[in-house]
Amino acid sequence: MPSEWSPSSPNLVVHGDNLEVVAQLPGGAFRLVYLDPPFNTGRSQRRQSTTSVRSVTGPIRGFKGQQYERIRGDLMSYDDDFEDYWSFLEPRLAEAWRLLADDGTLYLHLDYREAHYAKVLLDALFGRECFLNEIIWAYDYGAKSKSKWPAKHDTILVYVKDPARYHFDSTAVDREPYMAPGLVTPEQVERGKLPTDVWWHTIVSPTGREKTGYPTQKPKGILRRMIQASTREGDWVLDFFAGSGTTGAAAAELGRRFVLVDESADAIAVIRARLELARVEIR
């Protein structure tokens, strides 16, 4: 049971409503929290309302006092669909913030429909000073629209718990090939370059070995990069919407520990089969 979890526990995979599950986990226990929630595509979601109460000692730090409520209200009145989506996502972000270690990092993975709203509200909710990066994950696969520029990227918003002490180690990240190798030395070509905030990475191939059959599976390389940069070996990583278990697979390869949560029985079956095949200890 999650209530029995402690930093000395084995890796954990939990089937259940993520808001109920993570409420039982101790605050400040995770160096990295990754959220890849369902995108706001008109599908109904289970929701739980929340009330944000300001407190000097509370887990949520607002931007300029009551600015948060004004900004939130302005955006809600602007987009009714987003109000419905945010009522689902907001309490989960509040829990993510509570669970982050003081030097921890939050990665929120969204698509173009929600990223701009979420950025404004996260600035208001947690503080603009805690914003670290807007990562663009660019890929080239799928339908090609002829009526507009085809949407071929996701947005990953990165916020740190404390901008004065967060952990970030770019030297630990897998390097990537130079796009113009003729402009650098042979030594640089061999070593590769550090990634920027634009990540060119293919999606999971429908016929590749990494494919689990889960419809929204993210490539392991994307999660590896986050975990390498924002955690140390032995640190704990939390994924609220675990899906196919990519976060756990990447964390295990890198010597990190993890808690994965999903309310879908199908997702949990995929996760357990994937991690057992990789001989990763879970409970």
C-alpha atoms as a PDB file:
ATOM      1  CA  MET A   1       0.000   0.000   0.000  1.00  0.00           C
ATOM      2  CA  PRO A   2       1.228   3.556  -0.722  1.00  0.00           C
ATOM      3  CA  SER A   3       0.631   4.469   2.938  1.00  0.00           C
ATOM      4  CA  GLU A   4       3.415   2.042   3.821  1.00  0.00           C
ATOM      5  CA  TRP A   5       5.814   3.518   1.292  1.00  0.00           C
ATOM      6  CA  SER A   6       9.080   5.073   2.427  1.00  0.00           C
ATOM      7  CA  PRO A   7      12.320   6.054   0.680  1.00  0.00           C
ATOM      8  CA  SER A   8      13.723   2.653   1.656  1.00  0.00           C
ATOM      9  CA  SER A   9      10.912   0.782  -0.140  1.00  0.00           C
ATOM     10  CA  PRO A  10      11.306  -1.076  -3.454  1.00  0.00           C
ATOM     11  CA  ASN A  11      10.069   0.434  -6.705  1.00  0.00           C
ATOM     12  CA  LEU A  12       6.286   0.746  -6.592  1.00  0.00           C
ATOM     13  CA  VAL A  13       3.550   0.394  -9.238  1.00  0.00           C
ATOM     14  CA  VAL A  14       0.056   1.356  -8.036  1.00  0.00           C
ATOM     15  CA  HIS A  15      -3.338   0.891  -9.684  1.00  0.00           C
ATOM     16  CA  GLY A  16      -5.729   3.621  -8.570  1.00  0.00           C
ATOM     17  CA  ASP A  17      -6.862   7.213  -8.831  1.00  0.00           C
ATOM     18  CA  ASN A  18      -3.621   9.151  -8.768  1.00  0.00           C
ATOM     19  CA  LEU A  19      -4.957  11.982  -6.620  1.00  0.00           C
ATOM     20  CA  GLU A  20      -6.028   9.550  -3.906  1.00  0.00           C
ATOM     21  CA  VAL A  21      -2.829   7.509  -4.152  1.00  0.00           C
ATOM     22  CA  VAL A  22      -0.266  10.310  -4.043  1.00  0.00           C
ATOM     23  CA  ALA A  23      -2.037  12.014  -1.138  1.00  0.00           C
ATOM     24  CA  GLN A  24      -0.719   9.115   0.968  1.00  0.00           C
ATOM     25  CA  LEU A  25       2.927   9.702  -0.021  1.00  0.00           C
ATOM     26  CA  PRO A  26       5.216  11.807   2.201  1.00  0.00           C
ATOM     27  CA  GLY A  27       6.017  15.363   1.164  1.00  0.00           C
ATOM     28  CA  GLY A  28       9.421  16.236  -0.255  1.00  0.00           C
ATOM     29  CA  ALA A  29      10.286  12.622  -1.125  1.00  0.00           C
ATOM     30  CA  PHE A  30      10.853  12.915  -4.888  1.00  0.00           C
ATOM     31  CA  ARG A  31      13.669  14.596  -6.798  1.00  0.00           C
ATOM     32  CA  LEU A  32      11.644  14.574 -10.016  1.00  0.00           C
ATOM     33  CA  VAL A  33       7.928  14.488 -10.716  1.00  0.00           C
ATOM     34  CA  TYR A  34       6.797  13.917 -14.302  1.00  0.00           C
ATOM     35  CA  LEU A  35       3.203  14.524 -15.346  1.00  0.00           C
ATOM     36  CA  ASP A  36       1.926  13.482 -18.769  1.00  0.00           C
ATOM     37  CA  PRO A  37      -1.819  14.006 -18.253  1.00  0.00           C
ATOM     38  CA  PRO A  38      -4.495  13.245 -20.832  1.00  0.00           C
ATOM     39  CA  PHE A  39      -4.603  16.168 -23.253  1.00  0.00           C
ATOM     40  CA  ASN A  40      -7.795  18.241 -23.318  1.00  0.00           C
ATOM     41  CA  THR A  41      -9.389  16.663 -26.359  1.00  0.00           C
ATOM     42  CA  GLY A  42     -13.034  16.700 -25.244  1.00  0.00           C
ATOM     43  CA  ARG A  43     -12.984  13.373 -23.431  1.00  0.00           C
ATOM     44  CA  SER A  44     -14.587  13.325 -19.993  1.00  0.00           C
ATOM     45  CA  GLN A  45     -12.307  12.865 -17.006  1.00  0.00           C
ATOM     46  CA  ARG A  46     -12.859  12.069 -13.339  1.00  0.00           C
ATOM     47  CA  ARG A  47     -12.392  15.289 -11.439  1.00  0.00           C
ATOM     48  CA  GLN A  48     -12.077  16.433  -7.870  1.00  0.00           C
ATOM     49  CA  SER A  49     -12.542  20.077  -7.004  1.00  0.00           C
ATOM     50  CA  THR A  50      -9.989  21.924  -4.948  1.00  0.00           C
ATOM     51  CA  THR A  51      -9.719  25.233  -3.133  1.00  0.00           C
ATOM     52  CA  SER A  52      -6.377  26.994  -3.071  1.00  0.00           C
ATOM     53  CA  VAL A  53      -5.767  28.637   0.297  1.00  0.00           C
ATOM     54  CA  ARG A  54      -2.835  30.982   0.620  1.00  0.00           C
ATOM     55  CA  SER A  55      -0.395  30.317   3.445  1.00  0.00           C
ATOM     56  CA  VAL A  56       3.099  31.583   4.105  1.00  0.00           C
ATOM     57  CA  THR A  57       4.117  28.085   5.175  1.00  0.00           C
ATOM     58  CA  GLY A  58       1.932  26.172   2.706  1.00  0.00           C
ATOM     59  CA  PRO A  59       3.194  24.043  -0.207  1.00  0.00           C
ATOM     60  CA  ILE A  60       1.938  26.428  -2.905  1.00  0.00           C
ATOM     61  CA  ARG A  61       3.608  29.784  -3.416  1.00  0.00           C
ATOM     62  CA  GLY A  62       1.464  32.238  -5.328  1.00  0.00           C
ATOM     63  CA  PHE A  63       2.659  35.059  -7.545  1.00  0.00           C
ATOM     64  CA  LYS A  64       1.982  38.572  -6.199  1.00  0.00           C
ATOM     65  CA  GLY A  65      -0.612  37.613  -3.636  1.00  0.00           C
ATOM     66  CA  GLN A  66      -4.146  37.503  -4.967  1.00  0.00           C
ATOM     67  CA  GLN A  67      -2.934  37.878  -8.560  1.00  0.00           C
ATOM     68  CA  TYR A  68      -3.366  34.121  -8.778  1.00  0.00           C
ATOM     69  CA  GLU A  69      -7.133  34.219  -8.395  1.00  0.00           C
ATOM     70  CA  ARG A  70      -7.449  37.084 -10.876  1.00  0.00           C
ATOM     71  CA  ILE A  71      -5.295  35.376 -13.497  1.00  0.00           C
ATOM     72  CA  ARG A  72      -7.107  32.095 -12.953  1.00  0.00           C
ATOM     73  CA  GLY A  73     -10.492  33.783 -13.267  1.00  0.00           C
ATOM     74  CA  ASP A  74      -9.504  35.638 -16.433  1.00  0.00           C
ATOM     75  CA  LEU A  75      -8.358  32.441 -18.141  1.00  0.00           C
ATOM     76  CA  MET A  76     -11.375  30.450 -17.006  1.00  0.00           C
ATOM     77  CA  SER A  77     -13.770  33.027 -18.449  1.00  0.00           C
ATOM     78  CA  TYR A  78     -11.775  33.060 -21.682  1.00  0.00           C
ATOM     79  CA  ASP A  79     -11.917  29.317 -22.331  1.00  0.00           C
ATOM     80  CA  ASP A  80     -14.686  27.200 -20.797  1.00  0.00           C
ATOM     81  CA  ASP A  81     -13.116  23.943 -21.972  1.00  0.00           C
ATOM     82  CA  PHE A  82      -9.924  24.835 -20.174  1.00  0.00           C
ATOM     83  CA  GLU A  83     -11.818  25.504 -16.935  1.00  0.00           C
ATOM     84  CA  ASP A  84     -13.061  21.935 -17.004  1.00  0.00           C
ATOM     85  CA  TYR A  85      -9.580  20.594 -17.743  1.00  0.00           C
ATOM     86  CA  TRP A  86      -7.869  22.718 -15.116  1.00  0.00           C
ATOM     87  CA  SER A  87     -10.280  21.585 -12.391  1.00  0.00           C
ATOM     88  CA  PHE A  88      -8.974  18.094 -13.134  1.00  0.00           C
ATOM     89  CA  LEU A  89      -5.286  19.026 -13.339  1.00  0.00           C
ATOM     90  CA  GLU A  90      -4.849  21.726 -10.695  1.00  0.00           C
ATOM     91  CA  PRO A  91      -5.169  19.562  -7.543  1.00  0.00           C
ATOM     92  CA  ARG A  92      -2.713  17.073  -9.042  1.00  0.00           C
ATOM     93  CA  LEU A  93      -0.181  19.832  -9.634  1.00  0.00           C
ATOM     94  CA  ALA A  94      -0.620  20.972  -6.039  1.00  0.00           C
ATOM     95  CA  GLU A  95       0.186  17.435  -4.879  1.00  0.00           C
ATOM     96  CA  ALA A  96       3.177  17.270  -7.221  1.00  0.00           C
ATOM     97  CA  TRP A  97       4.545  20.462  -5.664  1.00  0.00           C
ATOM     98  CA  ARG A  98       4.082  19.047  -2.151  1.00  0.00           C
ATOM     99  CA  LEU A  99       5.886  15.840  -3.067  1.00  0.00           C
ATOM    100  CA  LEU A 100       8.926  17.524  -4.665  1.00  0.00           C
ATOM    101  CA  ALA A 101      12.166  17.691  -2.696  1.00  0.00           C
ATOM    102  CA  ASP A 102      13.525  21.165  -2.020  1.00  0.00           C
ATOM    103  CA  ASP A 103      15.964  20.742  -4.930  1.00  0.00           C
ATOM    104  CA  GLY A 104      13.426  18.877  -7.069  1.00  0.00           C
ATOM    105  CA  THR A 105      12.033  19.526 -10.537  1.00  0.00           C
ATOM    106  CA  LEU A 106       8.557  19.243 -12.036  1.00  0.00           C
ATOM    107  CA  TYR A 107       8.130  18.298 -15.716  1.00  0.00           C
ATOM    108  CA  LEU A 108       4.620  18.878 -17.108  1.00  0.00           C
ATOM    109  CA  HIS A 109       4.096  17.362 -20.577  1.00  0.00           C
ATOM    110  CA  LEU A 110       1.315  18.968 -22.637  1.00  0.00           C
ATOM    111  CA  ASP A 111       0.349  19.632 -26.242  1.00  0.00           C
ATOM    112  CA  TYR A 112      -0.234  22.917 -28.051  1.00  0.00           C
ATOM    113  CA  ARG A 113      -3.894  23.133 -26.981  1.00  0.00           C
ATOM    114  CA  GLU A 114      -3.084  23.643 -23.289  1.00  0.00           C
ATOM    115  CA  ALA A 115       0.544  24.697 -22.947  1.00  0.00           C
ATOM    116  CA  HIS A 116       0.017  28.463 -23.110  1.00  0.00           C
ATOM    117  CA  TYR A 117      -2.807  28.421 -20.545  1.00  0.00           C
ATOM    118  CA  ALA A 118      -0.844  26.128 -18.254  1.00  0.00           C
ATOM    119  CA  LYS A 119       2.260  28.329 -18.398  1.00  0.00           C
ATOM    120  CA  VAL A 120       0.380  31.428 -17.242  1.00  0.00           C
ATOM    121  CA  LEU A 121      -1.397  29.548 -14.467  1.00  0.00           C
ATOM    122  CA  LEU A 122       1.723  27.754 -13.254  1.00  0.00           C
ATOM    123  CA  ASP A 123       3.519  31.099 -13.054  1.00  0.00           C
ATOM    124  CA  ALA A 124       0.665  32.418 -10.935  1.00  0.00           C
ATOM    125  CA  LEU A 125       0.309  29.268  -8.834  1.00  0.00           C
ATOM    126  CA  PHE A 126       3.950  28.492  -8.068  1.00  0.00           C
ATOM    127  CA  GLY A 127       5.779  31.718  -8.900  1.00  0.00           C
ATOM    128  CA  ARG A 128       7.436  32.908 -12.100  1.00  0.00           C
ATOM    129  CA  GLU A 129      10.817  32.634 -10.429  1.00  0.00           C
ATOM    130  CA  CYS A 130      10.343  28.847 -10.304  1.00  0.00           C
ATOM    131  CA  PHE A 131       9.978  28.531 -14.079  1.00  0.00           C
ATOM    132  CA  LEU A 132      13.103  26.951 -15.587  1.00  0.00           C
ATOM    133  CA  ASN A 133      12.394  25.966 -19.196  1.00  0.00           C
ATOM    134  CA  GLU A 134       9.843  25.448 -21.901  1.00  0.00           C
ATOM    135  CA  ILE A 135      11.054  22.384 -23.780  1.00  0.00           C
ATOM    136  CA  ILE A 136       9.815  21.703 -27.287  1.00  0.00           C
ATOM    137  CA  TRP A 137       9.845  18.031 -28.235  1.00  0.00           C
ATOM    138  CA  ALA A 138       9.740  18.018 -32.033  1.00  0.00           C
ATOM    139  CA  TYR A 139       9.058  14.929 -34.129  1.00  0.00           C
ATOM    140  CA  ASP A 140       8.004  14.129 -37.686  1.00  0.00           C
ATOM    141  CA  TYR A 141       5.469  11.342 -37.907  1.00  0.00           C
ATOM    142  CA  GLY A 142       1.741  11.008 -38.494  1.00  0.00           C
ATOM    143  CA  ALA A 143      -0.858  12.898 -40.501  1.00  0.00           C
ATOM    144  CA  LYS A 144       0.170  15.830 -42.699  1.00  0.00           C
ATOM    145  CA  SER A 145      -2.382  18.639 -42.635  1.00  0.00           C
ATOM    146  CA  LYS A 146      -2.838  20.598 -45.867  1.00  0.00           C
ATOM    147  CA  SER A 147      -4.983  23.324 -44.329  1.00  0.00           C
ATOM    148  CA  LYS A 148      -2.442  24.531 -41.729  1.00  0.00           C
ATOM    149  CA  TRP A 149       1.115  23.926 -40.561  1.00  0.00           C
ATOM    150  CA  PRO A 150       1.071  20.341 -39.245  1.00  0.00           C
ATOM    151  CA  ALA A 151       1.387  20.138 -35.439  1.00  0.00           C
ATOM    152  CA  LYS A 152       4.510  18.071 -34.822  1.00  0.00           C
ATOM    153  CA  HIS A 153       5.612  18.940 -31.312  1.00  0.00           C
ATOM    154  CA  ASP A 154       4.701  18.643 -27.634  1.00  0.00           C
ATOM    155  CA  THR A 155       5.559  21.165 -24.923  1.00  0.00           C
ATOM    156  CA  ILE A 156       7.189  20.222 -21.626  1.00  0.00           C
ATOM    157  CA  LEU A 157       7.053  22.930 -18.956  1.00  0.00           C
ATOM    158  CA  VAL A 158       9.817  22.698 -16.356  1.00  0.00           C
ATOM    159  CA  TYR A 159       9.489  24.244 -12.887  1.00  0.00           C
ATOM    160  CA  VAL A 160      11.855  23.922  -9.925  1.00  0.00           C
ATOM    161  CA  LYS A 161      10.822  23.834  -6.280  1.00  0.00           C
ATOM    162  CA  ASP A 162      13.500  26.298  -5.240  1.00  0.00           C
ATOM    163  CA  PRO A 163      15.288  28.383  -7.903  1.00  0.00           C
ATOM    164  CA  ALA A 164      18.248  28.864  -5.564  1.00  0.00           C
ATOM    165  CA  ARG A 165      19.049  25.186  -5.003  1.00  0.00           C
ATOM    166  CA  TYR A 166      17.585  22.927  -7.703  1.00  0.00           C
ATOM    167  CA  HIS A 167      19.644  20.044  -9.093  1.00  0.00           C
ATOM    168  CA  PHE A 168      20.618  20.186 -12.772  1.00  0.00           C
ATOM    169  CA  ASP A 169      23.589  18.361 -14.320  1.00  0.00           C
ATOM    170  CA  SER A 170      23.907  18.882 -18.070  1.00  0.00           C
ATOM    171  CA  THR A 171      27.121  16.840 -18.177  1.00  0.00           C
ATOM    172  CA  ALA A 172      25.139  13.699 -17.264  1.00  0.00           C
ATOM    173  CA  VAL A 173      22.846  13.986 -20.300  1.00  0.00           C
ATOM    174  CA  ASP A 174      23.288  11.836 -23.410  1.00  0.00           C
ATOM    175  CA  ARG A 175      24.769  13.998 -26.155  1.00  0.00           C
ATOM    176  CA  GLU A 176      23.292  14.255 -29.632  1.00  0.00           C
ATOM    177  CA  PRO A 177      24.790  14.643 -33.129  1.00  0.00           C
ATOM    178  CA  TYR A 178      25.566  18.087 -34.492  1.00  0.00           C
ATOM    179  CA  MET A 179      23.124  19.176 -37.190  1.00  0.00           C
ATOM    180  CA  ALA A 180      25.971  20.887 -39.071  1.00  0.00           C
ATOM    181  CA  PRO A 181      29.022  18.712 -38.298  1.00  0.00           C
ATOM    182  CA  GLY A 182      31.119  20.486 -40.911  1.00  0.00           C
ATOM    183  CA  LEU A 183      31.124  23.628 -38.761  1.00  0.00           C
ATOM    184  CA  VAL A 184      32.823  22.034 -35.743  1.00  0.00           C
ATOM    185  CA  THR A 185      36.017  20.077 -35.101  1.00  0.00           C
ATOM    186  CA  PRO A 186      36.252  16.286 -35.535  1.00  0.00           C
ATOM    187  CA  GLU A 187      36.664  15.985 -31.762  1.00  0.00           C
ATOM    188  CA  GLN A 188      33.403  17.844 -31.235  1.00  0.00           C
ATOM    189  CA  VAL A 189      31.644  15.683 -33.796  1.00  0.00           C
ATOM    190  CA  GLU A 190      32.798  12.541 -32.008  1.00  0.00           C
ATOM    191  CA  ARG A 191      31.732  13.865 -28.594  1.00  0.00           C
ATOM    192  CA  GLY A 192      28.394  15.271 -29.796  1.00  0.00           C
ATOM    193  CA  LYS A 193      26.652  18.340 -28.434  1.00  0.00           C
ATOM    194  CA  LEU A 194      24.530  19.002 -25.393  1.00  0.00           C
ATOM    195  CA  PRO A 195      20.800  19.254 -26.109  1.00  0.00           C
ATOM    196  CA  THR A 196      19.088  22.639 -26.069  1.00  0.00           C
ATOM    197  CA  ASP A 197      15.468  23.347 -25.143  1.00  0.00           C
ATOM    198  CA  VAL A 198      14.391  21.970 -28.541  1.00  0.00           C
ATOM    199  CA  TRP A 199      14.534  18.172 -28.539  1.00  0.00           C
ATOM    200  CA  TRP A 200      14.460  16.488 -31.937  1.00  0.00           C
ATOM    201  CA  HIS A 201      13.487  12.912 -31.144  1.00  0.00           C
ATOM    202  CA  THR A 202      11.390  10.447 -33.085  1.00  0.00           C
ATOM    203  CA  ILE A 203       8.234   8.970 -31.589  1.00  0.00           C
ATOM    204  CA  VAL A 204       8.101   5.305 -30.616  1.00  0.00           C
ATOM    205  CA  SER A 205       8.194   3.352 -33.864  1.00  0.00           C
ATOM    206  CA  PRO A 206       5.049   1.275 -34.478  1.00  0.00           C
ATOM    207  CA  THR A 207       7.312  -1.610 -35.477  1.00  0.00           C
ATOM    208  CA  GLY A 208      10.222  -0.958 -33.121  1.00  0.00           C
ATOM    209  CA  ARG A 209      11.402  -3.079 -30.200  1.00  0.00           C
ATOM    210  CA  GLU A 210      10.444  -0.366 -27.704  1.00  0.00           C
ATOM    211  CA  LYS A 211       6.770  -0.478 -28.714  1.00  0.00           C
ATOM    212  CA  THR A 212       4.437  -1.839 -26.006  1.00  0.00           C
ATOM    213  CA  GLY A 213       1.150  -1.328 -27.821  1.00  0.00           C
ATOM    214  CA  TYR A 214       0.055   1.403 -25.416  1.00  0.00           C
ATOM    215  CA  PRO A 215      -1.485   4.206 -27.541  1.00  0.00           C
ATOM    216  CA  THR A 216       0.207   7.237 -25.941  1.00  0.00           C
ATOM    217  CA  GLN A 217       3.597   5.672 -25.202  1.00  0.00           C
ATOM    218  CA  LYS A 218       6.456   8.189 -24.991  1.00  0.00           C
ATOM    219  CA  PRO A 219       9.968   7.310 -26.180  1.00  0.00           C
ATOM    220  CA  LYS A 220      12.438   6.299 -23.509  1.00  0.00           C
ATOM    221  CA  GLY A 221      15.018   8.786 -24.809  1.00  0.00           C
ATOM    222  CA  ILE A 222      12.820  11.731 -23.769  1.00  0.00           C
ATOM    223  CA  LEU A 223      12.468  10.477 -20.203  1.00  0.00           C
ATOM    224  CA  ARG A 224      16.138   9.518 -19.978  1.00  0.00           C
ATOM    225  CA  ARG A 225      17.126  13.101 -20.703  1.00  0.00           C
ATOM    226  CA  MET A 226      14.930  14.545 -17.954  1.00  0.00           C
ATOM    227  CA  ILE A 227      16.031  11.986 -15.396  1.00  0.00           C
ATOM    228  CA  GLN A 228      19.729  12.323 -16.246  1.00  0.00           C
ATOM    229  CA  ALA A 229      19.676  16.106 -15.871  1.00  0.00           C
ATOM    230  CA  SER A 230      17.446  16.511 -12.820  1.00  0.00           C
ATOM    231  CA  THR A 231      18.268  13.530 -10.573  1.00  0.00           C
ATOM    232  CA  ARG A 232      21.223  11.714  -9.101  1.00  0.00           C
ATOM    233  CA  GLU A 233      21.725   7.965  -8.931  1.00  0.00           C
ATOM    234  CA  GLY A 234      19.504   6.497  -6.235  1.00  0.00           C
ATOM    235  CA  ASP A 235      16.985   9.365  -6.308  1.00  0.00           C
ATOM    236  CA  TRP A 236      13.243   8.788  -6.413  1.00  0.00           C
ATOM    237  CA  VAL A 237      11.128   9.666  -9.465  1.00  0.00           C
ATOM    238  CA  LEU A 238       7.317   9.901  -9.473  1.00  0.00           C
ATOM    239  CA  ASP A 239       4.969   9.584 -12.464  1.00  0.00           C
ATOM    240  CA  PHE A 240       1.261  10.294 -11.813  1.00  0.00           C
ATOM    241  CA  PHE A 241       0.000   9.201 -15.251  1.00  0.00           C
ATOM    242  CA  ALA A 242       2.336   6.268 -15.821  1.00  0.00           C
ATOM    243  CA  GLY A 243       0.734   4.909 -19.010  1.00  0.00           C
ATOM    244  CA  SER A 244       3.126   2.421 -20.585  1.00  0.00           C
ATOM    245  CA  GLY A 245       5.713   2.743 -17.784  1.00  0.00           C
ATOM    246  CA  THR A 246       8.396   4.562 -19.780  1.00  0.00           C
ATOM    247  CA  THR A 247       9.385   6.656 -16.760  1.00  0.00           C
ATOM    248  CA  GLY A 248      10.018   3.542 -14.702  1.00  0.00           C
ATOM    249  CA  ALA A 249      11.941   1.828 -17.497  1.00  0.00           C
ATOM    250  CA  ALA A 250      14.203   4.857 -17.994  1.00  0.00           C
ATOM    251  CA  ALA A 251      14.670   5.396 -14.260  1.00  0.00           C
ATOM    252  CA  ALA A 252      15.654   1.772 -13.684  1.00  0.00           C
ATOM    253  CA  GLU A 253      18.242   1.873 -16.490  1.00  0.00           C
ATOM    254  CA  LEU A 254      19.803   4.949 -14.894  1.00  0.00           C
ATOM    255  CA  GLY A 255      19.919   3.587 -11.350  1.00  0.00           C
ATOM    256  CA  ARG A 256      17.041   5.685 -10.042  1.00  0.00           C
ATOM    257  CA  ARG A 257      14.030   4.443  -8.098  1.00  0.00           C
ATOM    258  CA  PHE A 258      10.410   5.128  -8.976  1.00  0.00           C
ATOM    259  CA  VAL A 259       6.738   5.205  -8.051  1.00  0.00           C
ATOM    260  CA  LEU A 260       4.306   4.800 -10.955  1.00  0.00           C
ATOM    261  CA  VAL A 261       0.555   5.396 -10.665  1.00  0.00           C
ATOM    262  CA  ASP A 262      -2.239   4.857 -13.181  1.00  0.00           C
ATOM    263  CA  GLU A 263      -5.991   4.287 -12.874  1.00  0.00           C
ATOM    264  CA  SER A 264      -6.155   2.120 -16.004  1.00  0.00           C
ATOM    265  CA  ALA A 265      -5.938  -1.622 -15.420  1.00  0.00           C
ATOM    266  CA  ASP A 266      -4.664  -2.021 -18.987  1.00  0.00           C
ATOM    267  CA  ALA A 267      -1.840   0.446 -18.322  1.00  0.00           C
ATOM    268  CA  ILE A 268      -0.844  -1.354 -15.122  1.00  0.00           C
ATOM    269  CA  ALA A 269      -0.735  -4.678 -16.984  1.00  0.00           C
ATOM    270  CA  VAL A 270       1.512  -3.161 -19.668  1.00  0.00           C
ATOM    271  CA  ILE A 271       3.791  -1.588 -17.046  1.00  0.00           C
ATOM    272  CA  ARG A 272       4.216  -4.776 -15.043  1.00  0.00           C
ATOM    273  CA  ALA A 273       4.869  -6.904 -18.123  1.00  0.00           C
ATOM    274  CA  ARG A 274       7.393  -4.374 -19.446  1.00  0.00           C
ATOM    275  CA  LEU A 275       9.315  -4.033 -16.181  1.00  0.00           C
ATOM    276  CA  GLU A 276       9.274  -7.746 -15.434  1.00  0.00           C
ATOM    277  CA  LEU A 277      10.677  -8.426 -18.902  1.00  0.00           C
ATOM    278  CA  ALA A 278      13.463  -5.953 -18.094  1.00  0.00           C
ATOM    279  CA  ARG A 279      13.975  -7.709 -14.725  1.00  0.00           C
ATOM    280  CA  VAL A 280      13.181  -4.584 -12.736  1.00  0.00           C
ATOM    281  CA  GLU A 281      12.123  -5.239  -9.143  1.00  0.00           C
ATOM    282  CA  ILE A 282       8.667  -3.836  -8.406  1.00  0.00           C
ATOM    283  CA  ARG A 283       5.849  -4.331  -5.959  1.00  0.00           C
END
